C-alpha atoms as a PDB file:
ATOM      1  CA  UNK A   1     -51.246 -15.048 -20.382  1.00  0.00           C
ATOM      2  CA  UNK A   2     -49.762 -12.506 -17.422  1.00  0.00           C
ATOM      3  CA  UNK A   3     -46.541 -13.668 -16.130  1.00  0.00           C
ATOM      4  CA  UNK A   4     -46.583 -11.367 -13.081  1.00  0.00           C
ATOM      5  CA  UNK A   5     -46.456 -13.457  -9.784  1.00  0.00           C
ATOM      6  CA  UNK A   6     -45.839 -16.947 -11.592  1.00  0.00           C
ATOM      7  CA  UNK A   7     -43.300 -19.039 -10.097  1.00  0.00           C
ATOM      8  CA  UNK A   8     -40.445 -20.437 -12.208  1.00  0.00           C
ATOM      9  CA  UNK A   9     -37.409 -22.588 -11.582  1.00  0.00           C
ATOM     10  CA  UNK A  10     -34.534 -22.492 -13.953  1.00  0.00           C
ATOM     11  CA  UNK A  11     -32.180 -25.304 -14.007  1.00  0.00           C
ATOM     12  CA  UNK A  12     -28.936 -24.411 -15.141  1.00  0.00           C
ATOM     13  CA  UNK A  13     -29.243 -21.092 -14.111  1.00  0.00           C
ATOM     14  CA  UNK A  14     -25.879 -20.040 -12.831  1.00  0.00           C
ATOM     15  CA  UNK A  15     -24.869 -18.776 -16.446  1.00  0.00           C
ATOM     16  CA  UNK A  16     -25.646 -18.515 -20.355  1.00  0.00           C
ATOM     17  CA  UNK A  17     -29.016 -19.146 -21.299  1.00  0.00           C
ATOM     18  CA  UNK A  18     -30.701 -19.877 -18.116  1.00  0.00           C
ATOM     19  CA  UNK A  19     -29.315 -16.771 -16.469  1.00  0.00           C
ATOM     20  CA  UNK A  20     -30.905 -14.813 -19.202  1.00  0.00           C
ATOM     21  CA  UNK A  21     -34.162 -16.573 -18.661  1.00  0.00           C
ATOM     22  CA  UNK A  22     -34.278 -15.989 -14.802  1.00  0.00           C
ATOM     23  CA  UNK A  23     -33.052 -12.657 -15.512  1.00  0.00           C
ATOM     24  CA  UNK A  24     -35.906 -11.295 -18.045  1.00  0.00           C
ATOM     25  CA  UNK A  25     -38.632 -13.723 -16.081  1.00  0.00           C
ATOM     26  CA  UNK A  26     -37.678 -11.513 -12.624  1.00  0.00           C
ATOM     27  CA  UNK A  27     -38.291  -8.204 -14.996  1.00  0.00           C
ATOM     28  CA  UNK A  28     -41.207  -9.772 -16.309  1.00  0.00           C
ATOM     29  CA  UNK A  29     -42.670  -9.601 -12.532  1.00  0.00           C
ATOM     30  CA  UNK A  30     -42.365 -13.577 -11.936  1.00  0.00           C
ATOM     31  CA  UNK A  31     -41.074 -15.105  -8.660  1.00  0.00           C
ATOM     32  CA  UNK A  32     -37.650 -17.380  -9.939  1.00  0.00           C
ATOM     33  CA  UNK A  33     -35.445 -19.274  -8.433  1.00  0.00           C
ATOM     34  CA  UNK A  34     -32.224 -20.524 -10.200  1.00  0.00           C
ATOM     35  CA  UNK A  35     -30.602 -24.121  -9.928  1.00  0.00           C
ATOM     36  CA  UNK A  36     -26.899 -25.027 -10.496  1.00  0.00           C
ATOM     37  CA  UNK A  37     -24.326 -27.805  -9.814  1.00  0.00           C
ATOM     38  CA  UNK A  38     -21.436 -25.626  -8.809  1.00  0.00           C
ATOM     39  CA  UNK A  39     -22.096 -23.825  -5.442  1.00  0.00           C
ATOM     40  CA  UNK A  40     -19.988 -21.059  -5.635  1.00  0.00           C
ATOM     41  CA  UNK A  41     -20.925 -19.962  -9.103  1.00  0.00           C
ATOM     42  CA  UNK A  42     -24.738 -20.449  -8.485  1.00  0.00           C
ATOM     43  CA  UNK A  43     -24.091 -18.190  -4.970  1.00  0.00           C
ATOM     44  CA  UNK A  44     -22.349 -15.485  -7.075  1.00  0.00           C
ATOM     45  CA  UNK A  45     -25.073 -15.436  -9.747  1.00  0.00           C
ATOM     46  CA  UNK A  46     -28.114 -15.425  -7.501  1.00  0.00           C
ATOM     47  CA  UNK A  47     -26.588 -12.431  -5.672  1.00  0.00           C
ATOM     48  CA  UNK A  48     -26.323 -10.825  -9.030  1.00  0.00           C
ATOM     49  CA  UNK A  49     -30.061 -11.431  -9.779  1.00  0.00           C
ATOM     50  CA  UNK A  50     -31.034 -11.025  -6.179  1.00  0.00           C
ATOM     51  CA  UNK A  51     -32.986 -14.709  -6.595  1.00  0.00           C
ATOM     52  CA  UNK A  52     -32.908 -17.628  -4.370  1.00  0.00           C
ATOM     53  CA  UNK A  53     -30.219 -20.055  -5.265  1.00  0.00           C
ATOM     54  CA  UNK A  54     -30.770 -23.758  -4.699  1.00  0.00           C
ATOM     55  CA  UNK A  55     -27.569 -26.063  -5.413  1.00  0.00           C
ATOM     56  CA  UNK A  56     -27.991 -29.744  -6.686  1.00  0.00           C
ATOM     57  CA  UNK A  57     -27.293 -32.268  -9.311  1.00  0.00           C
ATOM     58  CA  UNK A  58     -30.573 -32.752 -11.269  1.00  0.00           C
ATOM     59  CA  UNK A  59     -29.644 -35.666 -12.258  1.00  0.00           C
ATOM     60  CA  UNK A  60     -29.717 -37.545  -9.030  1.00  0.00           C
ATOM     61  CA  UNK A  61     -32.923 -38.607  -7.580  1.00  0.00           C
ATOM     62  CA  UNK A  62     -32.646 -37.616  -4.154  1.00  0.00           C
ATOM     63  CA  UNK A  63     -31.369 -34.156  -5.446  1.00  0.00           C
ATOM     64  CA  UNK A  64     -33.939 -33.417  -7.910  1.00  0.00           C
ATOM     65  CA  UNK A  65     -36.587 -34.237  -5.256  1.00  0.00           C
ATOM     66  CA  UNK A  66     -34.798 -31.556  -2.700  1.00  0.00           C
ATOM     67  CA  UNK A  67     -34.213 -29.184  -5.661  1.00  0.00           C
ATOM     68  CA  UNK A  68     -38.123 -29.010  -6.061  1.00  0.00           C
ATOM     69  CA  UNK A  69     -39.224 -29.203  -2.573  1.00  0.00           C
ATOM     70  CA  UNK A  70     -36.566 -26.091  -1.820  1.00  0.00           C
ATOM     71  CA  UNK A  71     -38.259 -24.020  -4.625  1.00  0.00           C
ATOM     72  CA  UNK A  72     -41.921 -24.957  -3.665  1.00  0.00           C
ATOM     73  CA  UNK A  73     -41.101 -23.560  -0.144  1.00  0.00           C
ATOM     74  CA  UNK A  74     -39.077 -20.409  -1.353  1.00  0.00           C
ATOM     75  CA  UNK A  75     -41.492 -19.402  -3.995  1.00  0.00           C
ATOM     76  CA  UNK A  76     -44.852 -20.567  -2.352  1.00  0.00           C
ATOM     77  CA  UNK A  77     -45.767 -23.365  -5.640  1.00  0.00           C
ATOM     78  CA  UNK A  78     -44.318 -23.583  -8.966  1.00  0.00           C
ATOM     79  CA  UNK A  79     -45.746 -22.670 -12.114  1.00  0.00           C
ATOM     80  CA  UNK A  80     -42.890 -22.942 -14.767  1.00  0.00           C
ATOM     81  CA  UNK A  81     -39.769 -25.530 -14.750  1.00  0.00           C
ATOM     82  CA  UNK A  82     -37.114 -24.436 -17.127  1.00  0.00           C
ATOM     83  CA  UNK A  83     -35.186 -27.547 -17.990  1.00  0.00           C
ATOM     84  CA  UNK A  84     -31.940 -25.923 -19.051  1.00  0.00           C
ATOM     85  CA  UNK A  85     -29.156 -28.063 -17.248  1.00  0.00           C
ATOM     86  CA  UNK A  86     -26.732 -29.455 -19.802  1.00  0.00           C
ATOM     87  CA  UNK A  87     -23.602 -29.908 -20.879  1.00  0.00           C
ATOM     88  CA  UNK A  88     -21.944 -31.163 -23.962  1.00  0.00           C
ATOM     89  CA  UNK A  89     -18.236 -32.881 -24.832  1.00  0.00           C
ATOM     90  CA  UNK A  90     -17.109 -33.299 -28.565  1.00  0.00           C
ATOM     91  CA  UNK A  91     -15.902 -36.922 -28.930  1.00  0.00           C
ATOM     92  CA  UNK A  92     -15.796 -38.900 -31.936  1.00  0.00           C
ATOM     93  CA  UNK A  93     -16.779 -42.445 -32.079  1.00  0.00           C
ATOM     94  CA  UNK A  94     -13.171 -43.927 -31.209  1.00  0.00           C
ATOM     95  CA  UNK A  95     -13.024 -41.335 -28.250  1.00  0.00           C
ATOM     96  CA  UNK A  96     -16.001 -42.161 -26.929  1.00  0.00           C
ATOM     97  CA  UNK A  97     -15.728 -43.410 -22.948  1.00  0.00           C
ATOM     98  CA  UNK A  98     -18.627 -44.917 -21.088  1.00  0.00           C
ATOM     99  CA  UNK A  99     -17.935 -42.754 -18.170  1.00  0.00           C
ATOM    100  CA  UNK A 100     -18.475 -39.111 -19.961  1.00  0.00           C
ATOM    101  CA  UNK A 101     -21.151 -40.631 -22.048  1.00  0.00           C
ATOM    102  CA  UNK A 102     -23.199 -42.137 -18.986  1.00  0.00           C
ATOM    103  CA  UNK A 103     -22.721 -38.426 -17.058  1.00  0.00           C
ATOM    104  CA  UNK A 104     -23.739 -36.814 -20.156  1.00  0.00           C
ATOM    105  CA  UNK A 105     -27.070 -38.661 -20.373  1.00  0.00           C
ATOM    106  CA  UNK A 106     -27.356 -38.510 -16.600  1.00  0.00           C
ATOM    107  CA  UNK A 107     -27.515 -34.716 -16.740  1.00  0.00           C
ATOM    108  CA  UNK A 108     -29.228 -33.910 -20.150  1.00  0.00           C
ATOM    109  CA  UNK A 109     -31.841 -36.526 -20.124  1.00  0.00           C
ATOM    110  CA  UNK A 110     -32.449 -38.232 -16.643  1.00  0.00           C
ATOM    111  CA  UNK A 111     -31.852 -34.876 -15.148  1.00  0.00           C
ATOM    112  CA  UNK A 112     -34.545 -33.255 -17.174  1.00  0.00           C
ATOM    113  CA  UNK A 113     -36.997 -36.151 -16.729  1.00  0.00           C
ATOM    114  CA  UNK A 114     -36.403 -36.391 -12.480  1.00  0.00           C
ATOM    115  CA  UNK A 115     -36.889 -32.630 -12.759  1.00  0.00           C
ATOM    116  CA  UNK A 116     -40.072 -32.871 -14.716  1.00  0.00           C
ATOM    117  CA  UNK A 117     -41.465 -35.982 -12.671  1.00  0.00           C
ATOM    118  CA  UNK A 118     -40.777 -33.779  -9.193  1.00  0.00           C
ATOM    119  CA  UNK A 119     -42.407 -30.315 -10.615  1.00  0.00           C
ATOM    120  CA  UNK A 120     -45.422 -32.526 -12.401  1.00  0.00           C
ATOM    121  CA  UNK A 121     -47.717 -32.243  -9.410  1.00  0.00           C
ATOM    122  CA  UNK A 122     -47.396 -28.578  -8.829  1.00  0.00           C
ATOM    123  CA  UNK A 123     -48.022 -27.739 -12.392  1.00  0.00           C
ATOM    124  CA  UNK A 124     -51.355 -29.436 -12.954  1.00  0.00           C
ATOM    125  CA  UNK A 125     -54.281 -27.207 -13.722  1.00  0.00           C
ATOM    126  CA  UNK A 126     -51.561 -24.418 -15.730  1.00  0.00           C
ATOM    127  CA  UNK A 127     -48.200 -24.664 -15.367  1.00  0.00           C
ATOM    128  CA  UNK A 128     -45.470 -25.436 -18.195  1.00  0.00           C
ATOM    129  CA  UNK A 129     -42.384 -27.155 -18.505  1.00  0.00           C
ATOM    130  CA  UNK A 130     -39.402 -26.057 -21.046  1.00  0.00           C
ATOM    131  CA  UNK A 131     -37.183 -28.092 -22.192  1.00  0.00           C
ATOM    132  CA  UNK A 132     -33.975 -26.422 -23.823  1.00  0.00           C
ATOM    133  CA  UNK A 133     -32.821 -28.921 -26.210  1.00  0.00           C
ATOM    134  CA  UNK A 134     -30.771 -27.779 -29.329  1.00  0.00           C
ATOM    135  CA  UNK A 135     -30.465 -27.966 -33.129  1.00  0.00           C
ATOM    136  CA  UNK A 136     -28.315 -30.887 -32.424  1.00  0.00           C
ATOM    137  CA  UNK A 137     -31.276 -32.786 -31.632  1.00  0.00           C
ATOM    138  CA  UNK A 138     -32.510 -32.730 -35.204  1.00  0.00           C
ATOM    139  CA  UNK A 139     -29.098 -33.407 -37.094  1.00  0.00           C
ATOM    140  CA  UNK A 140     -26.046 -35.000 -36.087  1.00  0.00           C
ATOM    141  CA  UNK A 141     -22.202 -33.999 -36.938  1.00  0.00           C
ATOM    142  CA  UNK A 142     -18.602 -35.609 -36.413  1.00  0.00           C
ATOM    143  CA  UNK A 143     -17.818 -35.833 -33.056  1.00  0.00           C
ATOM    144  CA  UNK A 144     -21.516 -35.018 -31.433  1.00  0.00           C
ATOM    145  CA  UNK A 145     -22.425 -39.177 -30.711  1.00  0.00           C
ATOM    146  CA  UNK A 146     -22.857 -38.103 -27.043  1.00  0.00           C
ATOM    147  CA  UNK A 147     -24.431 -34.876 -27.159  1.00  0.00           C
ATOM    148  CA  UNK A 148     -26.341 -35.311 -30.082  1.00  0.00           C
ATOM    149  CA  UNK A 149     -27.965 -38.330 -28.743  1.00  0.00           C
ATOM    150  CA  UNK A 150     -28.728 -36.589 -25.481  1.00  0.00           C
ATOM    151  CA  UNK A 151     -30.694 -33.607 -27.529  1.00  0.00           C
ATOM    152  CA  UNK A 152     -32.482 -36.224 -29.707  1.00  0.00           C
ATOM    153  CA  UNK A 153     -33.698 -37.959 -26.822  1.00  0.00           C
ATOM    154  CA  UNK A 154     -35.088 -34.714 -25.085  1.00  0.00           C
ATOM    155  CA  UNK A 155     -37.175 -34.020 -28.140  1.00  0.00           C
ATOM    156  CA  UNK A 156     -38.474 -37.204 -28.285  1.00  0.00           C
ATOM    157  CA  UNK A 157     -39.205 -37.138 -23.906  1.00  0.00           C
ATOM    158  CA  UNK A 158     -40.787 -33.794 -24.901  1.00  0.00           C
ATOM    159  CA  UNK A 159     -43.510 -35.259 -27.178  1.00  0.00           C
ATOM    160  CA  UNK A 160     -43.906 -37.924 -24.566  1.00  0.00           C
ATOM    161  CA  UNK A 161     -44.874 -35.673 -22.068  1.00  0.00           C
ATOM    162  CA  UNK A 162     -47.015 -33.521 -24.396  1.00  0.00           C
ATOM    163  CA  UNK A 163     -49.161 -36.439 -24.824  1.00  0.00           C
ATOM    164  CA  UNK A 164     -49.333 -37.388 -21.137  1.00  0.00           C
ATOM    165  CA  UNK A 165     -49.321 -33.938 -19.474  1.00  0.00           C
ATOM    166  CA  UNK A 166     -51.449 -31.493 -22.006  1.00  0.00           C
ATOM    167  CA  UNK A 167     -54.662 -33.336 -20.532  1.00  0.00           C
ATOM    168  CA  UNK A 168     -53.688 -32.262 -17.183  1.00  0.00           C
ATOM    169  CA  UNK A 169     -53.461 -28.671 -18.358  1.00  0.00           C
ATOM    170  CA  UNK A 170     -49.646 -28.561 -18.468  1.00  0.00           C
ATOM    171  CA  UNK A 171     -47.849 -27.216 -21.615  1.00  0.00           C
ATOM    172  CA  UNK A 172     -44.736 -28.846 -22.605  1.00  0.00           C
ATOM    173  CA  UNK A 173     -42.485 -26.912 -24.935  1.00  0.00           C
ATOM    174  CA  UNK A 174     -39.296 -27.964 -26.776  1.00  0.00           C
ATOM    175  CA  UNK A 175     -36.579 -25.221 -27.626  1.00  0.00           C
ATOM    176  CA  UNK A 176     -33.687 -26.019 -30.166  1.00  0.00           C
ATOM    177  CA  UNK A 177     -31.261 -23.095 -30.317  1.00  0.00           C
ATOM    178  CA  UNK A 178     -28.204 -23.211 -32.585  1.00  0.00           C
ATOM    179  CA  UNK A 179     -25.085 -22.033 -31.502  1.00  0.00           C
ATOM    180  CA  UNK A 180     -25.456 -19.248 -28.978  1.00  0.00           C
ATOM    181  CA  UNK A 181     -22.546 -17.271 -27.335  1.00  0.00           C
ATOM    182  CA  UNK A 182     -21.858 -18.827 -24.003  1.00  0.00           C
ATOM    183  CA  UNK A 183     -19.357 -20.459 -22.178  1.00  0.00           C
ATOM    184  CA  UNK A 184     -20.751 -23.792 -23.366  1.00  0.00           C
ATOM    185  CA  UNK A 185     -18.540 -26.490 -24.070  1.00  0.00           C
ATOM    186  CA  UNK A 186     -15.381 -24.729 -22.363  1.00  0.00           C
ATOM    187  CA  UNK A 187     -15.617 -21.346 -24.744  1.00  0.00           C
ATOM    188  CA  UNK A 188     -14.638 -18.129 -23.126  1.00  0.00           C
ATOM    189  CA  UNK A 189     -17.977 -16.538 -21.937  1.00  0.00           C
ATOM    190  CA  UNK A 190     -16.348 -13.115 -22.206  1.00  0.00           C
ATOM    191  CA  UNK A 191     -14.834 -13.570 -25.550  1.00  0.00           C
ATOM    192  CA  UNK A 192     -15.765 -10.755 -28.211  1.00  0.00           C
ATOM    193  CA  UNK A 193     -19.351 -11.356 -29.276  1.00  0.00           C
ATOM    194  CA  UNK A 194     -20.183 -12.004 -33.125  1.00  0.00           C
ATOM    195  CA  UNK A 195     -23.073  -9.500 -33.905  1.00  0.00           C
ATOM    196  CA  UNK A 196     -24.226 -11.906 -36.412  1.00  0.00           C
ATOM    197  CA  UNK A 197     -24.524 -15.009 -34.010  1.00  0.00           C
ATOM    198  CA  UNK A 198     -26.956 -15.454 -31.345  1.00  0.00           C
ATOM    199  CA  UNK A 199     -26.911 -14.469 -27.842  1.00  0.00           C
ATOM    200  CA  UNK A 200     -28.582 -15.996 -24.650  1.00  0.00           C
ATOM    201  CA  UNK A 201     -30.868 -13.061 -24.489  1.00  0.00           C
ATOM    202  CA  UNK A 202     -32.444 -13.964 -27.763  1.00  0.00           C
ATOM    203  CA  UNK A 203     -33.320 -16.929 -26.249  1.00  0.00           C
ATOM    204  CA  UNK A 204     -34.462 -15.644 -23.153  1.00  0.00           C
ATOM    205  CA  UNK A 205     -36.835 -13.501 -25.493  1.00  0.00           C
ATOM    206  CA  UNK A 206     -38.557 -16.265 -27.001  1.00  0.00           C
ATOM    207  CA  UNK A 207     -39.045 -18.353 -24.258  1.00  0.00           C
ATOM    208  CA  UNK A 208     -40.670 -15.498 -22.431  1.00  0.00           C
ATOM    209  CA  UNK A 209     -42.918 -14.999 -25.533  1.00  0.00           C
ATOM    210  CA  UNK A 210     -43.954 -18.331 -25.692  1.00  0.00           C
ATOM    211  CA  UNK A 211     -45.043 -18.462 -21.884  1.00  0.00           C
ATOM    212  CA  UNK A 212     -47.089 -15.428 -22.559  1.00  0.00           C
ATOM    213  CA  UNK A 213     -49.435 -17.392 -24.901  1.00  0.00           C
ATOM    214  CA  UNK A 214     -52.677 -17.793 -23.110  1.00  0.00           C
ATOM    215  CA  UNK A 215     -52.870 -21.247 -21.703  1.00  0.00           C
ATOM    216  CA  UNK A 216     -55.158 -22.466 -24.730  1.00  0.00           C
ATOM    217  CA  UNK A 217     -52.491 -21.847 -26.981  1.00  0.00           C
ATOM    218  CA  UNK A 218     -49.501 -24.403 -27.468  1.00  0.00           C
ATOM    219  CA  UNK A 219     -46.308 -23.744 -29.436  1.00  0.00           C
ATOM    220  CA  UNK A 220     -44.952 -27.577 -28.911  1.00  0.00           C
ATOM    221  CA  UNK A 221     -41.385 -26.881 -30.380  1.00  0.00           C
ATOM    222  CA  UNK A 222     -39.626 -24.376 -32.174  1.00  0.00           C
ATOM    223  CA  UNK A 223     -35.802 -23.766 -33.739  1.00  0.00           C
ATOM    224  CA  UNK A 224     -34.043 -20.126 -33.422  1.00  0.00           C
ATOM    225  CA  UNK A 225     -31.159 -19.698 -35.988  1.00  0.00           C
ATOM    226  CA  UNK A 226     -29.439 -16.659 -36.211  1.00  0.00           C
ATOM    227  CA  UNK A 227     -30.436 -14.449 -39.142  1.00  0.00           C
ATOM    228  CA  UNK A 228     -27.410 -14.706 -41.058  1.00  0.00           C
ATOM    229  CA  UNK A 229     -24.611 -15.970 -39.132  1.00  0.00           C
ATOM    230  CA  UNK A 230     -22.402 -15.855 -42.421  1.00  0.00           C
ATOM    231  CA  UNK A 231     -22.834 -12.120 -42.691  1.00  0.00           C
ATOM    232  CA  UNK A 232     -19.489 -10.221 -43.472  1.00  0.00           C
ATOM    233  CA  UNK A 233     -18.693  -6.978 -41.673  1.00  0.00           C
ATOM    234  CA  UNK A 234     -16.437  -5.723 -44.197  1.00  0.00           C
END
């Protein structure tokens, strides 16, 4: 499918995977808008990419509605939604607090749902939704109760939306990256990159490749691992 001229909204587009997807999509000729909660960081990213930035919290119904409406107004419509907004915090069971747990679910799960719900009318007849989940949505680990549960949920939502939206010619795709070297989880985004681990551009290339498939073809879910993250340089 030719991507040039198609219109894309990337949530969580201020940095990391979302930023890389927006950058590559623009290079392929797409019309792109990015969203983020932090107005200043969003402003910086939007200026760097020379793309419209639409600030707002995807987990709040009124804001989700406004984000999509502003995107449609700025781009002249919407063809692709990238549900990338999300965050995580490591907490063992005894450390889980209701406020943090709820806030994480509000962004990672409810936010993706609200954005899909608001975008759906614009996507009918050939649009796409890409949900950026995680390998943490396939296997839990110590300290992952809150975060893993949101990513398991996002994979389940993807399957529900596939059943509901494929008849409307909307593809819904789930992407499960393993560790990506970004600032996620409070890591230093400027730290030296390990050449054996994934970077945001790897995910961006895979997402764009899947979107380029003709609309008759659907890859419902795929997982990306580093080829050999244990390889030693010595």
